[in-house]
Amino acid sequence: MCGFYQAKEQGTSIEAQQWSENIPEPKVKNEFQELDFSKLDQLEEALLKKEGQGDFDPNQSNLLSIYDQWQNYYGQVLTFVNQEWELEKAKQSAYVEGSRFFILWNAREFLLHYRNYVGPKLHRALGGLFDAGGEIPLQSDWNGSAKAILLVLKDLQLIIEKLVIQFPENQVLKTWQICHHDFKLQMEATFPKHTHFIRPGFDQF
């Protein structure tokens, strides 16, 4: 779909199944595409050259350490929410369900759905930033991955706020809220143009 959108935006009228033949060459060239990977020393030399140029190294990004902390709290909060939801579910009658139950239910469903989502997307976005030499194209899978993460973080922030209000005594929730805010700010700083990525079928009309 991303490729079809790109071809469509070039002003060329084509059938969907033919879009792959009309996509223009990307402006940013992958510096590693000409390497002979059967000769491992070529890859090592190319990596050392990029590091010497001061290009972005995803393995050195402070985002990874922030993410590790964030993900650790994510697991702790999910365990807590599961426990509280089970207790609250046992209290409900067959006809009446309280607001606390729905807050926990919504948080539980969201946390379960996205528990393994952010990590792979983050590594994809950081890897693309490295391959592109620190400046990634707006309409790329890398920038799209960053946008997808930040959309999830935005929704998750609302859930965290409701949980903190519901459980003000829980220190893990409060700490995760601070870590989450920091993670979101660092993501926005690293990918300042993520909002310019257009999701085919979602962002254009």
N, C-alpha and C. Protein backbone atom coordinates (compact mmCIF):
# COMPACT_ATOMS: atom_id res chain seq x y z
N MET A 1 0.81 -1.20 0.00
CA MET A 1 0.00 0.00 0.00
C MET A 1 0.85 1.26 0.00
N CYS A 2 1.98 1.25 0.72
CA CYS A 2 2.85 2.42 0.74
C CYS A 2 3.39 2.69 -0.66
N GLY A 3 3.76 1.61 -1.36
CA GLY A 3 4.27 1.76 -2.69
C GLY A 3 3.21 2.25 -3.67
N PHE A 4 2.00 1.74 -3.53
CA PHE A 4 0.90 2.16 -4.40
C PHE A 4 0.59 3.63 -4.19
N TYR A 5 0.63 4.06 -2.91
CA TYR A 5 0.39 5.47 -2.61
C TYR A 5 1.47 6.34 -3.25
N GLN A 6 2.72 5.91 -3.13
CA GLN A 6 3.83 6.68 -3.68
C GLN A 6 3.69 6.81 -5.20
N ALA A 7 3.35 5.71 -5.86
CA ALA A 7 3.18 5.74 -7.31
C ALA A 7 2.01 6.64 -7.71
N LYS A 8 0.94 6.54 -6.94
CA LYS A 8 -0.26 7.34 -7.22
C LYS A 8 0.03 8.82 -7.11
N GLU A 9 0.80 9.21 -6.10
CA GLU A 9 1.10 10.61 -5.85
C GLU A 9 2.04 11.21 -6.91
N GLN A 10 2.66 10.36 -7.70
CA GLN A 10 3.52 10.87 -8.77
C GLN A 10 2.70 11.31 -9.98
N GLY A 11 1.40 11.14 -9.91
CA GLY A 11 0.53 11.57 -10.99
C GLY A 11 0.34 10.56 -12.09
N THR A 12 0.77 9.33 -11.87
CA THR A 12 0.65 8.29 -12.88
C THR A 12 -0.57 7.43 -12.61
N SER A 13 -1.43 7.28 -13.60
CA SER A 13 -2.63 6.47 -13.45
C SER A 13 -2.29 5.02 -13.81
N ILE A 14 -2.32 4.13 -12.82
CA ILE A 14 -1.98 2.73 -13.05
C ILE A 14 -2.92 1.85 -12.27
N GLU A 15 -2.95 0.58 -12.65
CA GLU A 15 -3.70 -0.41 -11.90
C GLU A 15 -2.92 -0.78 -10.65
N ALA A 16 -3.65 -1.21 -9.63
CA ALA A 16 -3.00 -1.53 -8.36
C ALA A 16 -1.93 -2.60 -8.51
N GLN A 17 -2.19 -3.61 -9.36
CA GLN A 17 -1.24 -4.70 -9.49
C GLN A 17 0.01 -4.29 -10.27
N GLN A 18 -0.02 -3.11 -10.89
CA GLN A 18 1.13 -2.66 -11.67
C GLN A 18 1.96 -1.61 -10.94
N TRP A 19 1.58 -1.27 -9.71
CA TRP A 19 2.23 -0.15 -9.04
C TRP A 19 3.73 -0.35 -8.86
N SER A 20 4.15 -1.62 -8.67
CA SER A 20 5.56 -1.86 -8.38
C SER A 20 6.46 -1.48 -9.55
N GLU A 21 5.90 -1.41 -10.76
CA GLU A 21 6.71 -1.08 -11.93
C GLU A 21 6.87 0.43 -12.11
N ASN A 22 6.13 1.23 -11.34
CA ASN A 22 6.13 2.67 -11.56
C ASN A 22 6.65 3.48 -10.38
N ILE A 23 7.15 2.80 -9.35
CA ILE A 23 7.66 3.53 -8.19
C ILE A 23 9.00 4.14 -8.53
N PRO A 24 9.18 5.43 -8.30
CA PRO A 24 10.48 6.05 -8.59
C PRO A 24 11.55 5.56 -7.64
N GLU A 25 12.80 5.70 -8.07
CA GLU A 25 13.91 5.30 -7.22
C GLU A 25 13.95 6.16 -5.97
N PRO A 26 14.22 5.57 -4.80
CA PRO A 26 14.29 6.37 -3.58
C PRO A 26 15.43 7.38 -3.65
N LYS A 27 15.21 8.55 -3.02
CA LYS A 27 16.23 9.59 -3.05
C LYS A 27 17.42 9.24 -2.18
N VAL A 28 17.19 8.49 -1.10
CA VAL A 28 18.27 8.11 -0.21
C VAL A 28 18.76 6.74 -0.59
N LYS A 29 20.03 6.62 -0.90
CA LYS A 29 20.60 5.36 -1.34
C LYS A 29 21.15 4.59 -0.15
N ASN A 30 20.88 3.31 -0.11
CA ASN A 30 21.45 2.45 0.92
C ASN A 30 22.92 2.22 0.61
N GLU A 31 23.79 2.68 1.49
CA GLU A 31 25.22 2.60 1.24
C GLU A 31 25.75 1.18 1.24
N PHE A 32 24.96 0.23 1.75
CA PHE A 32 25.43 -1.14 1.87
C PHE A 32 24.95 -2.04 0.73
N GLN A 33 24.13 -1.51 -0.19
CA GLN A 33 23.49 -2.37 -1.18
C GLN A 33 24.47 -2.93 -2.21
N GLU A 34 25.61 -2.27 -2.41
CA GLU A 34 26.58 -2.75 -3.40
C GLU A 34 27.61 -3.70 -2.80
N LEU A 35 27.53 -3.96 -1.51
CA LEU A 35 28.54 -4.79 -0.87
C LEU A 35 28.36 -6.26 -1.20
N ASP A 36 29.45 -6.97 -1.26
CA ASP A 36 29.44 -8.42 -1.42
C ASP A 36 29.45 -9.03 -0.02
N PHE A 37 28.28 -9.48 0.45
CA PHE A 37 28.17 -9.94 1.82
C PHE A 37 28.83 -11.30 2.06
N SER A 38 29.31 -11.91 0.98
CA SER A 38 30.10 -13.13 1.17
C SER A 38 31.48 -12.80 1.71
N LYS A 39 31.85 -11.51 1.58
CA LYS A 39 33.12 -11.04 2.13
C LYS A 39 32.80 -10.16 3.34
N LEU A 40 32.84 -10.77 4.50
CA LEU A 40 32.38 -10.09 5.71
C LEU A 40 33.22 -8.86 6.04
N ASP A 41 34.47 -8.83 5.59
CA ASP A 41 35.31 -7.69 5.92
C ASP A 41 34.81 -6.41 5.24
N GLN A 42 34.10 -6.55 4.11
CA GLN A 42 33.56 -5.37 3.43
C GLN A 42 32.51 -4.68 4.29
N LEU A 43 31.65 -5.48 4.91
CA LEU A 43 30.62 -4.91 5.77
C LEU A 43 31.25 -4.23 6.98
N GLU A 44 32.25 -4.88 7.56
CA GLU A 44 32.92 -4.30 8.73
C GLU A 44 33.58 -2.97 8.38
N GLU A 45 34.22 -2.92 7.21
CA GLU A 45 34.88 -1.69 6.78
C GLU A 45 33.85 -0.58 6.54
N ALA A 46 32.73 -0.95 5.95
CA ALA A 46 31.69 0.05 5.68
C ALA A 46 31.11 0.61 6.98
N LEU A 47 30.89 -0.26 7.96
CA LEU A 47 30.37 0.18 9.25
C LEU A 47 31.36 1.11 9.96
N LEU A 48 32.64 0.75 9.91
CA LEU A 48 33.65 1.58 10.55
C LEU A 48 33.73 2.95 9.87
N LYS A 49 33.55 2.96 8.55
CA LYS A 49 33.59 4.21 7.80
C LYS A 49 32.44 5.12 8.23
N LYS A 50 31.24 4.55 8.36
CA LYS A 50 30.09 5.34 8.77
C LYS A 50 30.27 5.87 10.20
N GLU A 51 30.81 5.03 11.07
CA GLU A 51 31.04 5.47 12.44
C GLU A 51 32.07 6.59 12.48
N GLY A 52 33.07 6.48 11.60
CA GLY A 52 34.08 7.53 11.54
C GLY A 52 33.52 8.84 11.04
N GLN A 53 32.47 8.77 10.22
CA GLN A 53 31.83 9.98 9.71
C GLN A 53 30.89 10.60 10.74
N GLY A 54 30.71 9.92 11.84
CA GLY A 54 29.82 10.44 12.88
C GLY A 54 28.36 10.19 12.61
N ASP A 55 28.05 9.23 11.74
CA ASP A 55 26.66 8.92 11.43
C ASP A 55 25.96 8.30 12.64
N PHE A 56 24.67 8.33 12.59
CA PHE A 56 23.87 7.82 13.68
C PHE A 56 24.08 6.32 13.88
N ASP A 57 24.34 5.91 15.12
CA ASP A 57 24.50 4.50 15.45
C ASP A 57 23.33 4.07 16.33
N PRO A 58 22.42 3.22 15.82
CA PRO A 58 21.24 2.84 16.60
C PRO A 58 21.58 2.15 17.91
N ASN A 59 22.70 1.45 17.94
CA ASN A 59 23.06 0.74 19.17
C ASN A 59 23.51 1.67 20.28
N GLN A 60 23.83 2.91 19.93
CA GLN A 60 24.27 3.88 20.92
C GLN A 60 23.16 4.88 21.28
N SER A 61 22.00 4.70 20.71
CA SER A 61 20.92 5.65 20.96
C SER A 61 20.44 5.55 22.41
N ASN A 62 20.27 6.70 23.04
CA ASN A 62 19.76 6.69 24.41
C ASN A 62 18.30 6.24 24.46
N LEU A 63 17.65 6.21 23.29
CA LEU A 63 16.27 5.72 23.24
C LEU A 63 16.16 4.26 23.67
N LEU A 64 17.20 3.47 23.39
CA LEU A 64 17.14 2.05 23.74
C LEU A 64 17.14 1.84 25.24
N SER A 65 17.96 2.60 25.97
CA SER A 65 17.98 2.44 27.42
C SER A 65 16.68 2.95 28.04
N ILE A 66 16.14 4.05 27.48
CA ILE A 66 14.86 4.56 27.97
C ILE A 66 13.76 3.54 27.68
N TYR A 67 13.80 2.96 26.49
CA TYR A 67 12.80 1.95 26.14
C TYR A 67 12.87 0.75 27.07
N ASP A 68 14.08 0.28 27.39
CA ASP A 68 14.23 -0.87 28.29
C ASP A 68 13.57 -0.60 29.64
N GLN A 69 13.77 0.59 30.18
CA GLN A 69 13.12 0.96 31.44
C GLN A 69 11.61 1.00 31.27
N TRP A 70 11.19 1.64 30.19
CA TRP A 70 9.76 1.78 29.90
C TRP A 70 9.09 0.41 29.79
N GLN A 71 9.73 -0.51 29.06
CA GLN A 71 9.18 -1.84 28.86
C GLN A 71 9.14 -2.64 30.16
N ASN A 72 10.12 -2.43 31.02
CA ASN A 72 10.14 -3.09 32.32
C ASN A 72 8.94 -2.67 33.16
N TYR A 73 8.68 -1.37 33.19
CA TYR A 73 7.50 -0.88 33.93
C TYR A 73 6.21 -1.34 33.27
N TYR A 74 6.24 -1.42 31.95
CA TYR A 74 5.07 -1.91 31.20
C TYR A 74 4.65 -3.29 31.73
N GLY A 75 5.62 -4.19 31.85
CA GLY A 75 5.32 -5.53 32.34
C GLY A 75 4.80 -5.52 33.77
N GLN A 76 5.37 -4.69 34.63
CA GLN A 76 4.92 -4.61 36.02
C GLN A 76 3.49 -4.07 36.10
N VAL A 77 3.21 -3.05 35.30
CA VAL A 77 1.86 -2.47 35.32
C VAL A 77 0.84 -3.46 34.76
N LEU A 78 1.21 -4.18 33.72
CA LEU A 78 0.29 -5.17 33.16
C LEU A 78 -0.05 -6.23 34.19
N THR A 79 0.93 -6.70 34.94
CA THR A 79 0.68 -7.68 36.01
C THR A 79 -0.26 -7.10 37.06
N PHE A 80 -0.01 -5.87 37.45
CA PHE A 80 -0.85 -5.20 38.45
C PHE A 80 -2.29 -5.06 37.95
N VAL A 81 -2.44 -4.59 36.71
CA VAL A 81 -3.78 -4.40 36.13
C VAL A 81 -4.52 -5.72 36.03
N ASN A 82 -3.82 -6.78 35.63
CA ASN A 82 -4.45 -8.10 35.57
C ASN A 82 -4.99 -8.54 36.93
N GLN A 83 -4.18 -8.35 37.95
CA GLN A 83 -4.59 -8.73 39.30
C GLN A 83 -5.80 -7.93 39.77
N GLU A 84 -5.75 -6.63 39.57
CA GLU A 84 -6.86 -5.76 40.00
C GLU A 84 -8.13 -6.03 39.20
N TRP A 85 -7.96 -6.33 37.92
CA TRP A 85 -9.12 -6.61 37.08
C TRP A 85 -9.80 -7.91 37.52
N GLU A 86 -9.02 -8.93 37.86
CA GLU A 86 -9.59 -10.18 38.34
C GLU A 86 -10.37 -9.96 39.63
N LEU A 87 -9.82 -9.15 40.54
CA LEU A 87 -10.52 -8.84 41.80
C LEU A 87 -11.81 -8.08 41.54
N GLU A 88 -11.72 -7.11 40.64
CA GLU A 88 -12.90 -6.29 40.35
C GLU A 88 -13.97 -7.10 39.62
N LYS A 89 -13.53 -7.98 38.74
CA LYS A 89 -14.48 -8.82 38.00
C LYS A 89 -15.27 -9.71 38.95
N ALA A 90 -14.62 -10.18 40.02
CA ALA A 90 -15.30 -11.04 40.98
C ALA A 90 -16.36 -10.30 41.78
N LYS A 91 -16.25 -8.98 41.84
CA LYS A 91 -17.21 -8.17 42.61
C LYS A 91 -18.46 -7.82 41.81
N GLN A 92 -18.38 -7.92 40.50
CA GLN A 92 -19.48 -7.45 39.67
C GLN A 92 -20.69 -8.37 39.74
N SER A 93 -21.87 -7.76 39.73
CA SER A 93 -23.10 -8.54 39.66
C SER A 93 -23.38 -8.87 38.20
N ALA A 94 -24.40 -9.61 37.97
CA ALA A 94 -24.73 -10.00 36.60
C ALA A 94 -25.32 -8.83 35.82
N TYR A 95 -25.70 -7.75 36.50
CA TYR A 95 -26.42 -6.67 35.84
C TYR A 95 -25.71 -5.31 35.91
N VAL A 96 -24.83 -5.13 36.88
CA VAL A 96 -24.21 -3.84 37.08
C VAL A 96 -22.69 -3.97 37.09
N GLU A 97 -22.03 -3.15 36.30
CA GLU A 97 -20.57 -3.13 36.26
C GLU A 97 -20.12 -1.69 36.50
N GLY A 98 -19.26 -1.48 37.49
CA GLY A 98 -18.83 -0.15 37.86
C GLY A 98 -17.79 0.44 36.93
N SER A 99 -17.56 1.74 37.08
CA SER A 99 -16.59 2.45 36.23
C SER A 99 -15.17 1.92 36.44
N ARG A 100 -14.84 1.53 37.67
CA ARG A 100 -13.51 1.00 37.95
C ARG A 100 -13.25 -0.26 37.12
N PHE A 101 -14.28 -1.10 36.99
CA PHE A 101 -14.16 -2.32 36.19
C PHE A 101 -13.83 -1.98 34.74
N PHE A 102 -14.50 -0.98 34.17
CA PHE A 102 -14.28 -0.65 32.76
C PHE A 102 -12.93 0.01 32.54
N ILE A 103 -12.46 0.80 33.50
CA ILE A 103 -11.13 1.40 33.39
C ILE A 103 -10.07 0.30 33.34
N LEU A 104 -10.21 -0.68 34.23
CA LEU A 104 -9.27 -1.79 34.27
C LEU A 104 -9.39 -2.67 33.03
N TRP A 105 -10.58 -2.91 32.60
CA TRP A 105 -10.81 -3.74 31.41
C TRP A 105 -10.18 -3.10 30.18
N ASN A 106 -10.40 -1.79 30.01
CA ASN A 106 -9.85 -1.07 28.86
C ASN A 106 -8.32 -1.06 28.91
N ALA A 107 -7.77 -0.79 30.10
CA ALA A 107 -6.32 -0.77 30.25
C ALA A 107 -5.72 -2.14 29.97
N ARG A 108 -6.36 -3.17 30.49
CA ARG A 108 -5.87 -4.54 30.30
C ARG A 108 -5.85 -4.92 28.83
N GLU A 109 -6.93 -4.64 28.11
CA GLU A 109 -7.01 -4.98 26.69
C GLU A 109 -5.94 -4.24 25.88
N PHE A 110 -5.75 -2.97 26.18
CA PHE A 110 -4.77 -2.18 25.45
C PHE A 110 -3.35 -2.66 25.73
N LEU A 111 -3.05 -2.90 26.99
CA LEU A 111 -1.71 -3.34 27.36
C LEU A 111 -1.38 -4.72 26.78
N LEU A 112 -2.34 -5.60 26.79
CA LEU A 112 -2.13 -6.93 26.21
C LEU A 112 -1.90 -6.84 24.70
N HIS A 113 -2.65 -5.95 24.06
CA HIS A 113 -2.57 -5.85 22.60
C HIS A 113 -1.22 -5.30 22.14
N TYR A 114 -0.66 -4.33 22.88
CA TYR A 114 0.55 -3.64 22.42
C TYR A 114 1.81 -4.02 23.19
N ARG A 115 1.77 -5.08 23.99
CA ARG A 115 2.93 -5.41 24.82
C ARG A 115 4.17 -5.78 24.01
N ASN A 116 4.01 -6.33 22.81
CA ASN A 116 5.17 -6.69 21.97
C ASN A 116 5.21 -5.86 20.68
N TYR A 117 4.64 -4.68 20.72
CA TYR A 117 4.50 -3.86 19.51
C TYR A 117 5.61 -2.82 19.38
N VAL A 118 5.89 -2.10 20.46
CA VAL A 118 6.78 -0.93 20.39
C VAL A 118 8.22 -1.32 20.09
N GLY A 119 8.72 -2.39 20.73
CA GLY A 119 10.12 -2.78 20.57
C GLY A 119 10.54 -3.00 19.13
N PRO A 120 9.86 -3.89 18.38
CA PRO A 120 10.24 -4.11 16.98
C PRO A 120 10.12 -2.85 16.12
N LYS A 121 9.08 -2.05 16.38
CA LYS A 121 8.90 -0.81 15.63
C LYS A 121 10.05 0.17 15.91
N LEU A 122 10.48 0.23 17.16
CA LEU A 122 11.57 1.13 17.53
C LEU A 122 12.87 0.73 16.85
N HIS A 123 13.18 -0.56 16.84
CA HIS A 123 14.41 -1.02 16.19
C HIS A 123 14.34 -0.80 14.68
N ARG A 124 13.16 -0.93 14.11
CA ARG A 124 13.00 -0.66 12.69
C ARG A 124 13.25 0.81 12.38
N ALA A 125 12.70 1.69 13.20
CA ALA A 125 12.86 3.13 12.99
C ALA A 125 14.31 3.55 13.19
N LEU A 126 14.96 3.05 14.24
CA LEU A 126 16.36 3.41 14.50
C LEU A 126 17.30 2.84 13.44
N GLY A 127 17.01 1.62 13.00
CA GLY A 127 17.83 1.02 11.94
C GLY A 127 17.74 1.81 10.65
N GLY A 128 16.55 2.29 10.31
CA GLY A 128 16.37 3.11 9.12
C GLY A 128 17.10 4.43 9.22
N LEU A 129 17.09 4.99 10.42
CA LEU A 129 17.80 6.25 10.65
C LEU A 129 19.29 6.08 10.43
N PHE A 130 19.82 4.93 10.83
CA PHE A 130 21.23 4.62 10.62
C PHE A 130 21.54 4.43 9.13
N ASP A 131 20.72 3.62 8.46
CA ASP A 131 20.95 3.34 7.03
C ASP A 131 20.89 4.62 6.19
N ALA A 132 20.03 5.54 6.60
CA ALA A 132 19.86 6.77 5.82
C ALA A 132 20.85 7.85 6.22
N GLY A 133 21.75 7.55 7.14
CA GLY A 133 22.76 8.52 7.53
C GLY A 133 22.23 9.63 8.41
N GLY A 134 21.15 9.36 9.15
CA GLY A 134 20.64 10.33 10.10
C GLY A 134 19.47 11.17 9.62
N GLU A 135 19.15 11.12 8.33
CA GLU A 135 18.04 11.91 7.79
C GLU A 135 17.18 10.99 6.92
N ILE A 136 16.07 10.54 7.45
CA ILE A 136 15.26 9.57 6.73
C ILE A 136 14.19 10.26 5.88
N PRO A 137 13.82 9.65 4.76
CA PRO A 137 12.77 10.23 3.91
C PRO A 137 11.44 10.29 4.67
N LEU A 138 10.65 11.30 4.38
CA LEU A 138 9.37 11.46 5.08
C LEU A 138 8.47 10.25 4.86
N GLN A 139 8.32 9.85 3.59
CA GLN A 139 7.43 8.75 3.26
C GLN A 139 8.24 7.46 3.18
N SER A 140 8.64 6.96 4.35
CA SER A 140 9.42 5.73 4.41
C SER A 140 8.89 4.87 5.55
N ASP A 141 9.20 3.59 5.48
CA ASP A 141 8.77 2.67 6.52
C ASP A 141 9.37 3.04 7.87
N TRP A 142 10.56 3.62 7.85
CA TRP A 142 11.24 4.02 9.10
C TRP A 142 10.47 5.14 9.79
N ASN A 143 10.14 6.17 9.01
CA ASN A 143 9.38 7.29 9.56
C ASN A 143 7.97 6.84 9.95
N GLY A 144 7.43 5.93 9.17
CA GLY A 144 6.11 5.38 9.49
C GLY A 144 6.12 4.59 10.79
N SER A 145 7.22 3.86 11.04
CA SER A 145 7.34 3.11 12.28
C SER A 145 7.39 4.06 13.48
N ALA A 146 8.12 5.16 13.33
CA ALA A 146 8.19 6.15 14.40
C ALA A 146 6.81 6.75 14.68
N LYS A 147 6.07 7.04 13.62
CA LYS A 147 4.73 7.60 13.78
C LYS A 147 3.81 6.60 14.47
N ALA A 148 3.91 5.33 14.09
CA ALA A 148 3.06 4.30 14.71
C ALA A 148 3.33 4.20 16.20
N ILE A 149 4.61 4.27 16.59
CA ILE A 149 4.96 4.21 18.01
C ILE A 149 4.36 5.39 18.76
N LEU A 150 4.50 6.58 18.21
CA LEU A 150 4.03 7.77 18.91
C LEU A 150 2.51 7.83 19.00
N LEU A 151 1.82 7.27 18.04
CA LEU A 151 0.36 7.18 18.13
C LEU A 151 -0.04 6.27 19.29
N VAL A 152 0.67 5.16 19.44
CA VAL A 152 0.40 4.24 20.55
C VAL A 152 0.73 4.90 21.88
N LEU A 153 1.86 5.61 21.95
CA LEU A 153 2.26 6.27 23.18
C LEU A 153 1.25 7.34 23.59
N LYS A 154 0.68 8.02 22.60
CA LYS A 154 -0.32 9.05 22.89
C LYS A 154 -1.56 8.43 23.53
N ASP A 155 -2.05 7.32 22.96
CA ASP A 155 -3.22 6.65 23.53
C ASP A 155 -2.90 6.06 24.89
N LEU A 156 -1.69 5.51 25.02
CA LEU A 156 -1.29 4.88 26.27
C LEU A 156 -1.18 5.91 27.40
N GLN A 157 -0.80 7.13 27.05
CA GLN A 157 -0.68 8.18 28.05
C GLN A 157 -2.02 8.43 28.74
N LEU A 158 -3.10 8.39 27.98
CA LEU A 158 -4.44 8.59 28.55
C LEU A 158 -4.80 7.46 29.52
N ILE A 159 -4.42 6.26 29.16
CA ILE A 159 -4.70 5.11 30.02
C ILE A 159 -3.91 5.21 31.32
N ILE A 160 -2.63 5.59 31.21
CA ILE A 160 -1.80 5.73 32.41
C ILE A 160 -2.39 6.78 33.34
N GLU A 161 -2.84 7.89 32.78
CA GLU A 161 -3.40 8.97 33.60
C GLU A 161 -4.63 8.49 34.37
N LYS A 162 -5.49 7.71 33.72
CA LYS A 162 -6.67 7.19 34.39
C LYS A 162 -6.31 6.19 35.48
N LEU A 163 -5.30 5.38 35.22
CA LEU A 163 -4.87 4.40 36.22
C LEU A 163 -4.26 5.09 37.44
N VAL A 164 -3.48 6.15 37.21
CA VAL A 164 -2.86 6.87 38.32
C VAL A 164 -3.94 7.51 39.19
N ILE A 165 -4.99 8.03 38.57
CA ILE A 165 -6.10 8.61 39.33
C ILE A 165 -6.83 7.53 40.12
N GLN A 166 -7.00 6.37 39.51
CA GLN A 166 -7.73 5.28 40.16
C GLN A 166 -6.92 4.63 41.27
N PHE A 167 -5.58 4.59 41.10
CA PHE A 167 -4.70 3.95 42.08
C PHE A 167 -3.57 4.91 42.47
N PRO A 168 -3.90 6.00 43.17
CA PRO A 168 -2.90 7.02 43.49
C PRO A 168 -1.79 6.54 44.42
N GLU A 169 -2.03 5.42 45.10
CA GLU A 169 -1.01 4.90 46.03
C GLU A 169 0.03 4.03 45.33
N ASN A 170 -0.20 3.68 44.08
CA ASN A 170 0.70 2.78 43.36
C ASN A 170 1.90 3.54 42.80
N GLN A 171 3.08 3.28 43.34
CA GLN A 171 4.29 4.00 42.95
C GLN A 171 4.81 3.56 41.59
N VAL A 172 4.58 2.31 41.22
CA VAL A 172 5.03 1.84 39.91
C VAL A 172 4.33 2.60 38.79
N LEU A 173 3.03 2.83 38.96
CA LEU A 173 2.28 3.58 37.97
C LEU A 173 2.81 5.00 37.82
N LYS A 174 3.09 5.64 38.94
CA LYS A 174 3.60 7.02 38.91
C LYS A 174 4.98 7.08 38.26
N THR A 175 5.82 6.11 38.58
CA THR A 175 7.16 6.08 37.99
C THR A 175 7.09 5.82 36.50
N TRP A 176 6.20 4.90 36.10
CA TRP A 176 6.04 4.61 34.69
C TRP A 176 5.51 5.83 33.94
N GLN A 177 4.65 6.60 34.57
CA GLN A 177 4.12 7.81 33.96
C GLN A 177 5.24 8.79 33.63
N ILE A 178 6.20 8.94 34.54
CA ILE A 178 7.34 9.82 34.31
C ILE A 178 8.23 9.27 33.19
N CYS A 179 8.50 7.97 33.24
CA CYS A 179 9.32 7.32 32.22
C CYS A 179 8.65 7.40 30.85
N HIS A 180 7.35 7.22 30.83
CA HIS A 180 6.58 7.27 29.58
C HIS A 180 6.69 8.67 28.96
N HIS A 181 6.57 9.68 29.78
CA HIS A 181 6.66 11.06 29.30
C HIS A 181 8.04 11.32 28.68
N ASP A 182 9.07 10.84 29.34
CA ASP A 182 10.44 11.02 28.85
C ASP A 182 10.64 10.28 27.53
N PHE A 183 10.16 9.04 27.47
CA PHE A 183 10.27 8.23 26.26
C PHE A 183 9.59 8.93 25.09
N LYS A 184 8.40 9.45 25.31
CA LYS A 184 7.64 10.14 24.27
C LYS A 184 8.39 11.39 23.79
N LEU A 185 8.94 12.18 24.71
CA LEU A 185 9.68 13.38 24.33
C LEU A 185 10.92 13.03 23.50
N GLN A 186 11.63 11.98 23.91
CA GLN A 186 12.84 11.57 23.19
C GLN A 186 12.51 11.05 21.80
N MET A 187 11.40 10.35 21.67
CA MET A 187 10.96 9.87 20.36
C MET A 187 10.65 11.04 19.44
N GLU A 188 9.95 12.03 19.95
CA GLU A 188 9.59 13.20 19.14
C GLU A 188 10.83 13.99 18.74
N ALA A 189 11.83 14.04 19.61
CA ALA A 189 13.07 14.75 19.30
C ALA A 189 13.89 14.00 18.25
N THR A 190 13.89 12.67 18.32
CA THR A 190 14.67 11.86 17.38
C THR A 190 14.02 11.79 16.01
N PHE A 191 12.67 11.80 16.00
CA PHE A 191 11.92 11.71 14.74
C PHE A 191 10.98 12.92 14.62
N PRO A 192 11.54 14.11 14.45
CA PRO A 192 10.71 15.33 14.47
C PRO A 192 9.73 15.44 13.31
N LYS A 193 9.95 14.67 12.25
CA LYS A 193 9.08 14.78 11.07
C LYS A 193 8.13 13.58 10.94
N HIS A 194 7.93 12.87 12.05
CA HIS A 194 7.07 11.67 11.98
C HIS A 194 5.64 12.01 11.57
N THR A 195 5.18 13.22 11.92
CA THR A 195 3.79 13.59 11.60
C THR A 195 3.57 13.76 10.10
N HIS A 196 4.66 13.92 9.33
CA HIS A 196 4.53 14.12 7.89
C HIS A 196 4.33 12.80 7.14
N PHE A 197 4.53 11.68 7.83
CA PHE A 197 4.30 10.39 7.17
C PHE A 197 2.80 10.22 6.96
N ILE A 198 2.42 9.85 5.76
CA ILE A 198 1.00 9.66 5.42
C ILE A 198 0.70 8.18 5.35
N ARG A 199 -0.17 7.72 6.22
CA ARG A 199 -0.55 6.31 6.23
C ARG A 199 -1.59 6.05 5.16
N PRO A 200 -1.28 5.24 4.16
CA PRO A 200 -2.26 4.95 3.10
C PRO A 200 -3.54 4.37 3.67
N GLY A 201 -4.64 4.97 3.28
CA GLY A 201 -5.94 4.50 3.75
C GLY A 201 -6.39 5.13 5.06
N PHE A 202 -5.48 5.92 5.70
CA PHE A 202 -5.84 6.54 6.98
C PHE A 202 -5.73 8.06 6.95
N ASP A 203 -4.63 8.58 6.41
CA ASP A 203 -4.34 9.99 6.53
C ASP A 203 -4.70 10.83 5.33
N GLN A 204 -4.94 10.24 4.16
CA GLN A 204 -5.31 11.03 3.02
C GLN A 204 -6.80 10.85 2.73
N PHE A 205 -7.36 11.83 2.10
CA PHE A 205 -8.80 11.79 1.85
C PHE A 205 -9.08 11.82 0.34
